[in-house]
Structure formats: C-alpha cells, structure tokens
Amino acid sequence: RRRNKSVESLQVNAQRLKLYKSKLIVFPRKASKPKKGDATAEQLKLATQLKTAVLPIKSQQRKSQKARAITAEDKKFGAFAMLRKVRADSAMWGIREKKAKEKAEAEKNK
C-alpha cells in the first residue's frame, strides 16, 4: 500500500483528527457508571445528530504552470538517461566511497 511521507499532509491530517476528537461526544455504556473519557450529563443534553459530512477533507488547490516555449536546453535534456545515471550513482555510492578511502590510505602510507 502506498504511504504518504509528506510532512505537511501528515500535519494537516493530525490537526483534522484533533479537531474531530474535540467535537466528539462519547456516550457512556451505562448511564449510572460513566467511565473516564465519557461525556458528562450536560454534554449529553446538548448532543445532536449530524446530518452532514462530519469533517470533510479539503483538497488543496495546486498552482498550475502556464504553458511556455520549449527551449534548446529542454530539447537537449535526456530525462531517461538522467534517471539511469542517478540510479547508478545511488547503487555505486558505497563502492566508490570505499575505493576512494582505500586510495587515500594508499597515498597516505607511501
């Protein structure tokens, strides 16, 4: 399952859930023995049934980019080749670092 790792959306969702919990009224199972966290008698009198959406999720509008002319630099750029290079660099990073460290050790020992 996809996980959203965006901090901003996580904070917005946490804020929305806190607001929901603040508005929530928990009815006690036994009116004679209410537990911790249950609503008081005054809150129960004020409780009404919601007929609308509880807390709708507000989608953020993204700013669209305006059309622009394609430059020579844009035409020259190879996205696939760039992605392959970045992927190879990330895969070979440790090996290249190890070789550089060994080379520095060899230079130091000479």
Protein backbone atom coordinates (compact mmCIF):
# COMPACT_ATOMS: atom_id res chain seq x y z
CA ARG A 1 0.00 0.00 0.00
CA ARG A 2 1.23 3.49 -0.83
CA ARG A 3 2.41 5.54 2.12
CA ASN A 4 2.33 9.31 2.04
CA LYS A 5 5.54 10.58 3.59
CA SER A 6 4.75 14.26 3.14
CA VAL A 7 5.13 16.06 6.48
CA GLU A 8 2.69 18.81 5.52
CA SER A 9 -0.18 16.45 4.71
CA LEU A 10 0.57 14.41 7.84
CA GLN A 11 0.30 17.55 9.99
CA VAL A 12 -2.93 18.64 8.28
CA ASN A 13 -4.44 15.20 8.90
CA ALA A 14 -3.30 15.17 12.55
CA GLN A 15 -4.84 18.61 13.05
CA ARG A 16 -8.10 17.43 11.46
CA LEU A 17 -8.20 14.39 13.76
CA LYS A 18 -7.57 16.54 16.86
CA LEU A 19 -10.46 18.78 15.84
CA TYR A 20 -12.65 15.69 15.35
CA LYS A 21 -11.75 14.33 18.80
CA SER A 22 -12.51 17.70 20.41
CA LYS A 23 -16.02 17.69 18.89
CA LEU A 24 -16.67 14.01 19.60
CA ILE A 25 -19.14 13.13 22.37
CA VAL A 26 -18.71 9.60 23.73
CA PHE A 27 -21.90 8.26 25.27
CA PRO A 28 -21.39 6.04 28.34
CA ARG A 29 -22.47 2.41 28.04
CA LYS A 30 -24.05 2.55 31.48
CA ALA A 31 -25.56 5.92 32.35
CA SER A 32 -25.23 5.09 36.04
CA LYS A 33 -21.47 4.32 35.78
CA PRO A 34 -19.75 6.64 33.28
CA LYS A 35 -16.09 5.83 32.64
CA LYS A 36 -13.18 8.20 32.16
CA GLY A 37 -13.46 9.95 28.78
CA ASP A 38 -17.26 9.63 28.58
CA ALA A 39 -19.39 12.73 28.16
CA THR A 40 -20.96 14.47 31.13
CA ALA A 41 -24.72 14.79 31.58
CA GLU A 42 -24.65 18.42 30.34
CA GLN A 43 -22.80 17.41 27.17
CA LEU A 44 -25.29 14.60 26.55
CA LYS A 45 -28.20 17.07 26.68
CA LEU A 46 -26.53 19.30 24.10
CA ALA A 47 -25.70 16.41 21.72
CA THR A 48 -27.40 16.46 18.33
CA GLN A 49 -27.22 14.06 15.40
CA LEU A 50 -25.18 15.31 12.46
CA LYS A 51 -26.91 15.05 9.11
CA THR A 52 -23.99 16.32 7.01
CA ALA A 53 -20.42 15.18 6.44
CA VAL A 54 -18.54 15.04 9.74
CA LEU A 55 -15.32 16.82 8.82
CA PRO A 56 -14.84 16.94 5.05
CA ILE A 57 -11.28 16.71 3.78
CA LYS A 58 -10.39 19.92 2.00
CA SER A 59 -8.22 19.26 -1.03
CA GLN A 60 -5.51 21.78 -1.66
CA GLN A 61 -5.54 23.53 -5.00
CA ARG A 62 -2.23 23.20 -6.80
CA LYS A 63 -0.99 26.10 -8.83
CA SER A 64 -0.85 25.13 -12.46
CA GLN A 65 2.10 26.13 -14.56
CA LYS A 66 1.48 28.27 -17.59
CA ALA A 67 2.49 26.99 -20.99
CA ARG A 68 5.89 28.11 -22.17
CA ALA A 69 8.04 27.73 -25.24
CA ILE A 70 10.38 24.73 -25.33
CA THR A 71 13.99 25.87 -25.22
CA ALA A 72 17.01 24.23 -26.83
CA GLU A 73 18.18 23.22 -23.36
CA ASP A 74 14.86 21.42 -22.77
CA LYS A 75 15.21 19.55 -26.06
CA LYS A 76 18.78 18.54 -25.25
CA PHE A 77 17.90 17.20 -21.78
CA GLY A 78 17.51 13.40 -21.63
CA ALA A 79 15.23 12.50 -18.72
CA PHE A 80 15.64 8.73 -19.05
CA ALA A 81 19.43 8.94 -19.20
CA MET A 82 19.43 11.26 -16.18
CA LEU A 83 17.29 8.85 -14.18
CA ARG A 84 19.55 5.92 -15.09
CA LYS A 85 22.64 7.93 -14.05
CA VAL A 86 21.11 8.90 -10.71
CA ARG A 87 20.03 5.29 -10.08
CA ALA A 88 23.53 4.00 -10.93
CA ASP A 89 25.16 6.67 -8.73
CA SER A 90 23.00 5.68 -5.76
CA ALA A 91 23.77 1.99 -6.29
CA MET A 92 27.53 2.51 -6.67
CA TRP A 93 27.86 5.14 -3.95
CA GLY A 94 29.24 2.84 -1.25
CA ILE A 95 31.65 1.04 -3.59
CA ARG A 96 33.04 4.32 -4.94
CA GLU A 97 33.43 5.70 -1.43
CA LYS A 98 35.29 2.56 -0.32
CA LYS A 99 37.66 2.78 -3.34
CA ALA A 100 38.34 6.45 -2.64
CA LYS A 101 39.07 5.68 1.01
CA GLU A 102 41.46 2.86 0.03
CA LYS A 103 43.19 5.12 -2.47
CA ALA A 104 43.64 7.81 0.21
CA GLU A 105 45.03 5.19 2.62
CA ALA A 106 47.49 4.01 -0.07
CA GLU A 107 48.61 7.60 -0.73
CA LYS A 108 49.00 8.21 3.00
CA ASN A 109 51.09 5.05 3.53
CA LYS A 110 53.54 5.87 0.71
